[in-house]
Amino acid sequence: MGAGVAALVALLSIALLWLFLRHELSFLTQSSELIGQLSNSKKAVLRGIPLSGSPEIRQLQDSFNRLQQHLASDEQTLLEDKHLY
């Protein structure tokens, strides 16, 4: 009887862990898909990926958005410098 209860608790724990991880990783999957769309386009439109998920995932998304803004700023500077020469 005790082994059956332990097995049931273990299965329930695994199911709950799987649901939690699936939920948390869905935000990374969504961000990855958006980044993939941006990287596959010839001319990336400046837009950020939405911030969602755990604090760590939002920090990663925010870092990507800031990197994208820096790249767009650098590209604009290069275009302005090109017109000077």
C-alpha atoms as a PDB file:
ATOM      1  CA  MET A   1       0.000   0.000   0.000  1.00  0.00           C
ATOM      2  CA  GLY A   2       2.806   2.425   0.882  1.00  0.00           C
ATOM      3  CA  ALA A   3       4.588   1.784  -2.404  1.00  0.00           C
ATOM      4  CA  GLY A   4       1.404   2.529  -4.330  1.00  0.00           C
ATOM      5  CA  VAL A   5       0.952   5.868  -2.565  1.00  0.00           C
ATOM      6  CA  ALA A   6       4.600   6.752  -3.141  1.00  0.00           C
ATOM      7  CA  ALA A   7       4.268   5.931  -6.840  1.00  0.00           C
ATOM      8  CA  LEU A   8       1.116   8.037  -7.100  1.00  0.00           C
ATOM      9  CA  VAL A   9       2.794  10.988  -5.373  1.00  0.00           C
ATOM     10  CA  ALA A  10       5.813  10.621  -7.670  1.00  0.00           C
ATOM     11  CA  LEU A  11       3.614  10.568 -10.799  1.00  0.00           C
ATOM     12  CA  LEU A  12       1.648  13.578  -9.596  1.00  0.00           C
ATOM     13  CA  SER A  13       4.876  15.451  -8.851  1.00  0.00           C
ATOM     14  CA  ILE A  14       6.254  14.657 -12.300  1.00  0.00           C
ATOM     15  CA  ALA A  15       3.010  15.795 -13.957  1.00  0.00           C
ATOM     16  CA  LEU A  16       2.992  19.079 -12.034  1.00  0.00           C
ATOM     17  CA  LEU A  17       6.668  19.695 -12.832  1.00  0.00           C
ATOM     18  CA  TRP A  18       6.034  19.004 -16.519  1.00  0.00           C
ATOM     19  CA  LEU A  19       3.105  21.472 -16.570  1.00  0.00           C
ATOM     20  CA  PHE A  20       5.191  24.133 -14.816  1.00  0.00           C
ATOM     21  CA  LEU A  21       8.153  23.727 -17.173  1.00  0.00           C
ATOM     22  CA  ARG A  22       5.908  23.668 -20.227  1.00  0.00           C
ATOM     23  CA  HIS A  23       4.338  26.952 -19.114  1.00  0.00           C
ATOM     24  CA  GLU A  24       7.669  28.628 -18.359  1.00  0.00           C
ATOM     25  CA  LEU A  25       9.372  27.405 -21.531  1.00  0.00           C
ATOM     26  CA  SER A  26       6.475  28.578 -23.709  1.00  0.00           C
ATOM     27  CA  PHE A  27       7.715  32.157 -23.235  1.00  0.00           C
ATOM     28  CA  LEU A  28      11.189  31.191 -24.452  1.00  0.00           C
ATOM     29  CA  THR A  29       9.688  29.339 -27.414  1.00  0.00           C
ATOM     30  CA  GLN A  30       7.613  32.376 -28.386  1.00  0.00           C
ATOM     31  CA  SER A  31      10.629  34.681 -28.106  1.00  0.00           C
ATOM     32  CA  SER A  32      12.775  32.275 -30.098  1.00  0.00           C
ATOM     33  CA  GLU A  33      10.195  32.177 -32.895  1.00  0.00           C
ATOM     34  CA  LEU A  34      10.018  35.991 -33.035  1.00  0.00           C
ATOM     35  CA  ILE A  35      13.815  36.279 -33.092  1.00  0.00           C
ATOM     36  CA  GLY A  36      13.920  33.675 -35.861  1.00  0.00           C
ATOM     37  CA  GLN A  37      11.447  35.696 -37.913  1.00  0.00           C
ATOM     38  CA  LEU A  38      13.582  38.808 -37.464  1.00  0.00           C
ATOM     39  CA  SER A  39      16.778  37.007 -38.428  1.00  0.00           C
ATOM     40  CA  ASN A  40      15.205  35.510 -41.566  1.00  0.00           C
ATOM     41  CA  SER A  41      14.038  38.847 -42.950  1.00  0.00           C
ATOM     42  CA  LYS A  42      16.254  40.846 -45.291  1.00  0.00           C
ATOM     43  CA  LYS A  43      15.533  44.072 -43.450  1.00  0.00           C
ATOM     44  CA  ALA A  44      14.704  43.657 -39.784  1.00  0.00           C
ATOM     45  CA  VAL A  45      12.002  45.973 -38.582  1.00  0.00           C
ATOM     46  CA  LEU A  46      12.881  47.582 -35.287  1.00  0.00           C
ATOM     47  CA  ARG A  47      10.479  46.121 -32.803  1.00  0.00           C
ATOM     48  CA  GLY A  48      10.913  44.526 -29.474  1.00  0.00           C
ATOM     49  CA  ILE A  49       9.863  41.126 -28.398  1.00  0.00           C
ATOM     50  CA  PRO A  50       7.240  41.194 -25.659  1.00  0.00           C
ATOM     51  CA  LEU A  51       8.410  40.803 -22.084  1.00  0.00           C
ATOM     52  CA  SER A  52       6.683  37.837 -20.490  1.00  0.00           C
ATOM     53  CA  GLY A  53       7.497  34.930 -18.244  1.00  0.00           C
ATOM     54  CA  SER A  54       9.667  34.665 -15.171  1.00  0.00           C
ATOM     55  CA  PRO A  55      11.975  37.527 -14.156  1.00  0.00           C
ATOM     56  CA  GLU A  56      14.959  35.724 -15.701  1.00  0.00           C
ATOM     57  CA  ILE A  57      13.177  35.245 -19.024  1.00  0.00           C
ATOM     58  CA  ARG A  58      12.012  38.885 -19.052  1.00  0.00           C
ATOM     59  CA  GLN A  59      15.604  39.970 -18.379  1.00  0.00           C
ATOM     60  CA  LEU A  60      16.784  37.936 -21.361  1.00  0.00           C
ATOM     61  CA  GLN A  61      14.043  39.408 -23.563  1.00  0.00           C
ATOM     62  CA  ASP A  62      14.856  42.932 -22.408  1.00  0.00           C
ATOM     63  CA  SER A  63      18.554  42.394 -23.135  1.00  0.00           C
ATOM     64  CA  PHE A  64      17.690  41.265 -26.653  1.00  0.00           C
ATOM     65  CA  ASN A  65      15.486  44.336 -27.166  1.00  0.00           C
ATOM     66  CA  ARG A  66      18.272  46.661 -25.986  1.00  0.00           C
ATOM     67  CA  LEU A  67      20.780  44.902 -28.251  1.00  0.00           C
ATOM     68  CA  GLN A  68      18.423  45.352 -31.176  1.00  0.00           C
ATOM     69  CA  GLN A  69      18.065  49.057 -30.373  1.00  0.00           C
ATOM     70  CA  HIS A  70      21.858  49.470 -30.231  1.00  0.00           C
ATOM     71  CA  LEU A  71      22.268  47.738 -33.585  1.00  0.00           C
ATOM     72  CA  ALA A  72      19.615  49.960 -35.164  1.00  0.00           C
ATOM     73  CA  SER A  73      21.315  53.045 -33.722  1.00  0.00           C
ATOM     74  CA  ASP A  74      24.710  51.930 -35.036  1.00  0.00           C
ATOM     75  CA  GLU A  75      23.218  51.240 -38.463  1.00  0.00           C
ATOM     76  CA  GLN A  76      21.658  54.708 -38.515  1.00  0.00           C
ATOM     77  CA  THR A  77      25.013  56.266 -37.576  1.00  0.00           C
ATOM     78  CA  LEU A  78      26.741  54.358 -40.385  1.00  0.00           C
ATOM     79  CA  LEU A  79      24.149  55.528 -42.894  1.00  0.00           C
ATOM     80  CA  GLU A  80      24.583  59.140 -41.762  1.00  0.00           C
ATOM     81  CA  ASP A  81      28.376  58.843 -41.979  1.00  0.00           C
ATOM     82  CA  LYS A  82      28.088  57.319 -45.453  1.00  0.00           C
ATOM     83  CA  HIS A  83      26.355  60.466 -46.686  1.00  0.00           C
ATOM     84  CA  LEU A  84      29.280  62.592 -45.466  1.00  0.00           C
ATOM     85  CA  TYR A  85      31.765  60.879 -47.770  1.00  0.00           C
END
